[in-house]
Amino acid sequence: MAVIIVFSTIPQLVKAQVNYKLAAGPDVSIKVLGSSNIHDWTMAATGIESQGDFKFEGGQLRSLHSFNLSVEVKSLKSEHSSMDSRTYKAINADKYPSVSYKLSSAVVTLVQKNKYLIKATGDLTISGATQTVVLNVTAVVNPDNTITCTGSQKIQLTDYKIAPPTFMLGAMKVYNDLTIQYNLVYKSNQLLTKNN
């Protein structure tokens, strides 16, 4: 009976709006890439939370609703702890402990079978300052019904009222332009419940 119930719900997942949460694992990553007058640098985040409502019709992804993402600022780490602490200070991480993105609208376009382009418009908030950004997300629906979302977004620190930090008494100066790269894997809450 349990097997019948599990398999009878799969078509409903394909045709309904289903809530997906970020999965844990080595494939999930958010990286911030930047440069300075001395060298390029990368910070990688571990404290990431995200979920969204993906709507499927006829076996295809049709729309995305109520998507949000949050990154714990102090989970961002580089190869140098001194750089990390100065970055947290520049972002005012004690007062604003997270970076967040909240979706306002999305347009989903089929690229090829099980692969989509999501043009997601939403509010990105860093250090208490909010800017509207448009993310061009590549979404792939995997055979196990997970969804992998990848892409990158360029931002400028000064757009969020952040002065690019300096190090070593000003000898190293971080440039204003950053690139955020993300590889995010989402699992349906319904599937997670069945697997637990």
Protein backbone atom coordinates (compact mmCIF):
# COMPACT_ATOMS: atom_id res chain seq x y z
CA MET A 1 0.00 0.00 0.00
CA ALA A 2 2.84 2.43 0.88
CA VAL A 3 4.45 1.86 -2.53
CA ILE A 4 1.17 2.64 -4.28
CA ILE A 5 0.79 5.88 -2.34
CA VAL A 6 4.33 7.04 -3.15
CA PHE A 7 4.04 6.38 -6.87
CA SER A 8 0.53 7.80 -7.14
CA THR A 9 1.76 11.16 -5.81
CA ILE A 10 4.58 11.57 -8.36
CA PRO A 11 2.31 12.79 -11.22
CA GLN A 12 0.82 15.34 -8.81
CA LEU A 13 4.29 16.73 -8.12
CA VAL A 14 4.84 17.14 -11.86
CA LYS A 15 1.56 19.05 -12.36
CA ALA A 16 1.43 21.15 -9.19
CA GLN A 17 3.16 24.06 -7.52
CA VAL A 18 5.63 22.44 -5.15
CA ASN A 19 7.84 23.97 -2.48
CA TYR A 20 11.53 23.16 -2.88
CA LYS A 21 14.23 23.68 -0.28
CA LEU A 22 17.96 23.96 -0.72
CA ALA A 23 19.63 20.58 -0.41
CA ALA A 24 22.80 19.98 1.57
CA GLY A 25 25.91 18.63 -0.11
CA PRO A 26 29.21 19.40 -1.84
CA ASP A 27 27.46 20.50 -5.05
CA VAL A 28 25.84 23.47 -3.30
CA SER A 29 27.97 26.61 -3.32
CA ILE A 30 27.92 30.39 -3.35
CA LYS A 31 31.21 32.15 -4.05
CA VAL A 32 32.12 35.82 -4.09
CA LEU A 33 34.94 36.64 -6.51
CA GLY A 34 36.83 39.89 -6.38
CA SER A 35 40.20 41.46 -7.07
CA SER A 36 42.56 44.00 -5.62
CA ASN A 37 45.64 45.92 -6.67
CA ILE A 38 47.67 42.89 -5.52
CA HIS A 39 45.76 39.71 -6.37
CA ASP A 40 42.37 38.12 -7.08
CA TRP A 41 40.46 36.58 -4.18
CA THR A 42 37.51 34.28 -3.48
CA MET A 43 35.21 33.85 -0.51
CA ALA A 44 32.93 30.81 -0.21
CA ALA A 45 29.75 30.64 1.89
CA THR A 46 28.53 27.69 3.95
CA GLY A 47 25.59 29.22 5.84
CA ILE A 48 23.00 29.24 3.06
CA GLU A 49 19.23 28.88 3.36
CA SER A 50 16.83 29.04 0.42
CA GLN A 51 13.44 27.85 -0.78
CA GLY A 52 10.99 28.55 -3.57
CA ASP A 53 7.73 27.41 -5.11
CA PHE A 54 8.30 25.83 -8.53
CA LYS A 55 5.21 25.23 -10.65
CA PHE A 56 5.11 22.37 -13.15
CA GLU A 57 2.51 21.74 -15.83
CA GLY A 58 2.57 18.93 -18.35
CA GLY A 59 5.93 17.77 -17.08
CA GLN A 60 7.56 21.18 -17.69
CA LEU A 61 8.66 23.93 -15.35
CA ARG A 62 6.31 26.86 -15.97
CA SER A 63 6.91 29.40 -13.22
CA LEU A 64 8.70 30.25 -10.00
CA HIS A 65 7.01 31.89 -7.00
CA SER A 66 7.91 33.04 -3.48
CA PHE A 67 11.64 32.43 -3.86
CA ASN A 68 14.05 33.62 -1.21
CA LEU A 69 17.68 33.06 -0.30
CA SER A 70 19.76 34.03 2.71
CA VAL A 71 23.52 33.82 3.32
CA GLU A 72 25.11 34.19 6.74
CA VAL A 73 27.80 36.84 6.26
CA LYS A 74 30.25 35.31 8.73
CA SER A 75 30.03 31.97 6.93
CA LEU A 76 31.89 33.59 4.02
CA LYS A 77 35.51 32.48 4.22
CA SER A 78 38.61 33.20 2.16
CA GLU A 79 42.10 31.74 2.50
CA HIS A 80 43.05 34.47 4.94
CA SER A 81 41.31 35.00 8.28
CA SER A 82 42.56 38.60 8.47
CA MET A 83 40.78 39.37 5.21
CA ASP A 84 37.63 37.70 6.51
CA SER A 85 37.52 39.83 9.66
CA ARG A 86 38.07 43.05 7.70
CA THR A 87 35.37 42.06 5.22
CA TYR A 88 32.88 41.43 8.04
CA LYS A 89 33.73 44.86 9.44
CA ALA A 90 33.25 46.55 6.05
CA ILE A 91 29.86 44.86 5.60
CA ASN A 92 28.94 45.59 9.24
CA ALA A 93 28.15 41.93 9.80
CA ASP A 94 27.40 42.35 13.50
CA LYS A 95 24.50 44.69 12.66
CA TYR A 96 23.51 43.02 9.38
CA PRO A 97 24.35 39.30 9.83
CA SER A 98 22.88 38.07 6.54
CA VAL A 99 22.69 38.85 2.84
CA SER A 100 19.28 38.13 1.36
CA TYR A 101 17.52 37.89 -1.99
CA LYS A 102 13.74 37.97 -2.33
CA LEU A 103 12.01 37.30 -5.63
CA SER A 104 9.39 39.71 -6.95
CA SER A 105 8.80 38.16 -10.40
CA ALA A 106 10.21 35.51 -12.72
CA VAL A 107 9.95 34.52 -16.38
CA VAL A 108 10.72 30.88 -17.22
CA THR A 109 11.83 29.92 -20.75
CA LEU A 110 12.43 26.37 -21.99
CA VAL A 111 15.93 26.08 -23.50
CA GLN A 112 15.95 22.36 -24.19
CA LYS A 113 14.48 19.28 -22.56
CA ASN A 114 14.64 19.65 -18.75
CA LYS A 115 16.75 22.84 -19.07
CA TYR A 116 15.34 26.33 -18.50
CA LEU A 117 16.37 29.95 -18.30
CA ILE A 118 14.79 31.78 -15.37
CA LYS A 119 14.90 35.57 -15.54
CA ALA A 120 14.39 36.38 -11.87
CA THR A 121 13.77 39.94 -10.71
CA GLY A 122 14.12 40.55 -6.99
CA ASP A 123 15.60 42.56 -4.15
CA LEU A 124 19.18 41.90 -3.05
CA THR A 125 19.92 43.27 0.42
CA ILE A 126 23.51 43.65 1.65
CA SER A 127 24.52 45.54 4.78
CA GLY A 128 21.01 46.93 5.14
CA ALA A 129 20.92 48.43 1.63
CA THR A 130 18.61 46.99 -1.03
CA GLN A 131 18.93 47.02 -4.81
CA THR A 132 16.69 45.42 -7.43
CA VAL A 133 18.68 42.94 -9.51
CA VAL A 134 17.80 40.63 -12.38
CA LEU A 135 19.36 37.17 -12.20
CA ASN A 136 19.69 35.00 -15.31
CA VAL A 137 19.49 31.54 -13.81
CA THR A 138 20.05 28.27 -15.66
CA ALA A 139 17.77 25.64 -14.10
CA VAL A 140 18.07 21.93 -14.87
CA VAL A 141 15.45 19.43 -13.69
CA ASN A 142 17.41 16.29 -12.85
CA PRO A 143 16.23 12.67 -13.22
CA ASP A 144 15.69 12.45 -9.43
CA ASN A 145 13.41 15.54 -9.61
CA THR A 146 15.92 17.81 -7.92
CA ILE A 147 16.51 21.18 -9.58
CA THR A 148 20.02 22.56 -10.11
CA CYS A 149 20.24 26.35 -10.46
CA THR A 150 23.46 27.98 -11.65
CA GLY A 151 24.57 31.42 -12.68
CA SER A 152 26.54 34.52 -11.73
CA GLN A 153 25.79 38.15 -10.96
CA LYS A 154 28.05 41.19 -10.96
CA ILE A 155 27.55 43.83 -8.27
CA GLN A 156 29.36 46.89 -6.99
CA LEU A 157 30.04 47.41 -3.30
CA THR A 158 29.25 51.13 -3.44
CA ASP A 159 25.72 50.36 -4.67
CA TYR A 160 25.17 48.96 -1.18
CA LYS A 161 26.87 51.87 0.59
CA ILE A 162 29.94 49.74 1.33
CA ALA A 163 33.39 51.30 1.04
CA PRO A 164 35.76 48.78 -0.61
CA PRO A 165 38.01 47.58 2.24
CA THR A 166 41.75 48.11 2.43
CA PHE A 167 44.38 45.93 4.08
CA MET A 168 47.98 46.22 5.21
CA LEU A 169 47.67 49.92 6.07
CA GLY A 170 46.19 50.66 2.66
CA ALA A 171 48.81 48.78 0.64
CA MET A 172 46.12 46.35 -0.58
CA LYS A 173 42.94 47.88 -1.94
CA VAL A 174 39.91 45.79 -2.86
CA TYR A 175 38.23 46.84 -6.09
CA ASN A 176 34.58 47.87 -6.18
CA ASP A 177 33.38 45.18 -8.61
CA LEU A 178 32.42 41.72 -7.34
CA THR A 179 31.00 38.61 -9.00
CA ILE A 180 28.68 36.25 -7.14
CA GLN A 181 28.69 32.69 -8.51
CA TYR A 182 26.15 30.14 -7.38
CA ASN A 183 25.43 26.44 -7.85
CA LEU A 184 22.30 25.53 -5.90
CA VAL A 185 20.45 22.22 -5.75
CA TYR A 186 16.82 22.11 -4.60
CA LYS A 187 14.76 19.17 -3.37
CA SER A 188 11.01 19.02 -3.12
CA ASN A 189 9.72 19.17 0.45
CA GLN A 190 7.31 16.37 -0.43
CA LEU A 191 10.13 14.16 -1.66
CA LEU A 192 12.23 15.01 1.40
CA THR A 193 9.35 14.00 3.65
CA LYS A 194 8.98 10.64 1.91
CA ASN A 195 12.70 9.94 2.13
CA ASN A 196 12.92 10.72 5.86
